Amino acid sequence: MDERSQGSERRRFRRTSVDRAGKVYIRHALRYLPVRAVDVSLGGLLLEIKTDRPLHIGEAIDVIIGDGQSAVVGGDDVVEARIAHVRPAEGGGQRVGLSFAREGAMAAVAA
């Protein structure tokens, strides 16, 4: 199911817009930060993170995108990813592109 784009677009998979709250666990800082998911694909996720703390390309993080139904997070709801790119976001914070560490991770995010 490799949906390659045409032209100068480098993405391997088509992205779908989402607007979901969640959090990420920044391993090197031992800290959770609130996030908003902007879009998702089979291979990754774009988040907005309201922090000025430096995030590094290649860094492993854990992503938890809530469904708004439960305060309890199960192990299947935690998605491991790596930071692919970091850019400033409008209004402060950062837009962070993530690459999923395993196939099938999109189901946990998009559910």
Protein backbone atom coordinates (compact mmCIF):
# COMPACT_ATOMS: atom_id res chain seq x y z
CA MET A 1 0.00 0.00 0.00
CA ASP A 2 2.69 2.43 -1.06
CA GLU A 3 0.92 5.58 -2.25
CA ARG A 4 3.80 7.51 -3.77
CA SER A 5 3.17 11.15 -4.62
CA GLN A 6 3.92 12.84 -7.92
CA GLY A 7 6.27 15.76 -8.63
CA SER A 8 8.57 17.30 -6.04
CA GLU A 9 6.64 15.91 -3.07
CA ARG A 10 8.98 13.65 -1.08
CA ARG A 11 6.37 11.91 1.04
CA ARG A 12 5.98 8.18 0.58
CA PHE A 13 2.41 8.08 1.87
CA ARG A 14 -0.63 10.30 1.54
CA ARG A 15 -1.32 12.39 4.66
CA THR A 16 -4.71 12.83 6.28
CA SER A 17 -5.57 15.94 8.30
CA VAL A 18 -6.44 15.38 11.94
CA ASP A 19 -7.03 17.62 14.93
CA ARG A 20 -6.43 15.60 18.06
CA ALA A 21 -4.87 16.44 21.41
CA GLY A 22 -2.26 14.25 23.02
CA LYS A 23 1.15 14.26 24.60
CA VAL A 24 4.67 13.11 23.90
CA TYR A 25 7.26 11.73 26.25
CA ILE A 26 10.65 13.31 25.55
CA ARG A 27 13.04 10.63 26.72
CA HIS A 28 16.21 12.71 27.12
CA ALA A 29 14.34 15.29 29.21
CA LEU A 30 12.26 12.69 31.10
CA ARG A 31 9.27 14.93 30.48
CA TYR A 32 5.78 14.86 28.97
CA LEU A 33 4.65 17.74 26.74
CA PRO A 34 1.15 18.45 25.41
CA VAL A 35 0.75 18.24 21.63
CA ARG A 36 -1.83 18.57 18.89
CA ALA A 37 -1.74 16.14 15.96
CA VAL A 38 -2.03 18.01 12.65
CA ASP A 39 -1.82 15.18 10.13
CA VAL A 40 -1.02 11.49 9.94
CA SER A 41 0.08 8.97 7.30
CA LEU A 42 1.07 5.32 7.25
CA GLY A 43 4.67 6.36 7.93
CA GLY A 44 4.45 9.29 10.29
CA LEU A 45 2.75 12.14 12.06
CA LEU A 46 2.96 15.94 12.18
CA LEU A 47 2.55 17.51 15.63
CA GLU A 48 2.42 21.00 17.06
CA ILE A 49 4.26 21.22 20.37
CA LYS A 50 4.08 24.37 22.48
CA THR A 51 7.66 24.39 23.73
CA ASP A 52 10.85 26.24 22.96
CA ARG A 53 12.99 23.37 24.32
CA PRO A 54 15.27 22.07 21.58
CA LEU A 55 14.12 18.84 19.95
CA HIS A 56 16.63 16.90 17.87
CA ILE A 57 16.29 15.06 14.56
CA GLY A 58 16.66 11.33 15.11
CA GLU A 59 15.57 11.54 18.75
CA ALA A 60 13.22 8.75 19.89
CA ILE A 61 9.98 9.86 21.55
CA ASP A 62 6.76 8.19 22.68
CA VAL A 63 3.48 9.59 21.35
CA ILE A 64 0.09 9.28 23.03
CA ILE A 65 -2.88 10.69 21.13
CA GLY A 66 -6.04 10.63 23.23
CA ASP A 67 -9.48 9.68 22.07
CA GLY A 68 -11.11 11.98 24.61
CA GLN A 69 -12.99 9.02 26.10
CA SER A 70 -10.59 7.70 28.72
CA ALA A 71 -8.08 9.10 31.18
CA VAL A 72 -6.29 5.73 31.25
CA VAL A 73 -3.67 5.05 28.59
CA GLY A 74 -3.02 1.46 27.59
CA GLY A 75 0.27 0.14 26.24
CA ASP A 76 -1.24 -0.14 22.74
CA ASP A 77 -1.98 3.60 22.81
CA VAL A 78 1.72 4.53 23.09
CA VAL A 79 3.42 4.89 19.70
CA GLU A 80 7.19 4.96 19.38
CA ALA A 81 8.52 7.41 16.79
CA ARG A 82 11.65 9.30 15.77
CA ILE A 83 11.87 13.02 15.02
CA ALA A 84 12.32 13.57 11.27
CA HIS A 85 12.20 17.38 11.20
CA VAL A 86 11.55 20.37 13.46
CA ARG A 87 10.30 23.80 12.34
CA PRO A 88 8.97 26.87 14.14
CA ALA A 89 5.15 26.98 14.39
CA GLU A 90 2.96 30.03 13.92
CA GLY A 91 2.18 31.55 17.28
CA GLY A 92 5.15 29.93 19.00
CA GLY A 93 6.21 26.40 19.67
CA GLN A 94 7.31 23.93 17.03
CA ARG A 95 5.94 21.74 14.25
CA VAL A 96 7.56 18.34 14.55
CA GLY A 97 7.48 15.66 11.87
CA LEU A 98 7.74 12.13 13.20
CA SER A 99 8.53 8.82 11.57
CA PHE A 100 6.82 5.79 13.14
CA ALA A 101 9.20 3.16 14.52
CA ARG A 102 6.89 0.28 13.50
CA GLU A 103 4.27 -0.40 10.85
CA GLY A 104 0.66 -0.23 11.94
CA ALA A 105 1.29 2.62 14.38
CA MET A 106 -1.11 4.88 12.48
CA ALA A 107 -4.06 2.84 13.76
CA ALA A 108 -3.36 3.93 17.34
CA VAL A 109 -3.11 7.58 16.32
CA ALA A 110 -6.03 7.75 13.89
CA ALA A 111 -8.46 5.62 15.92
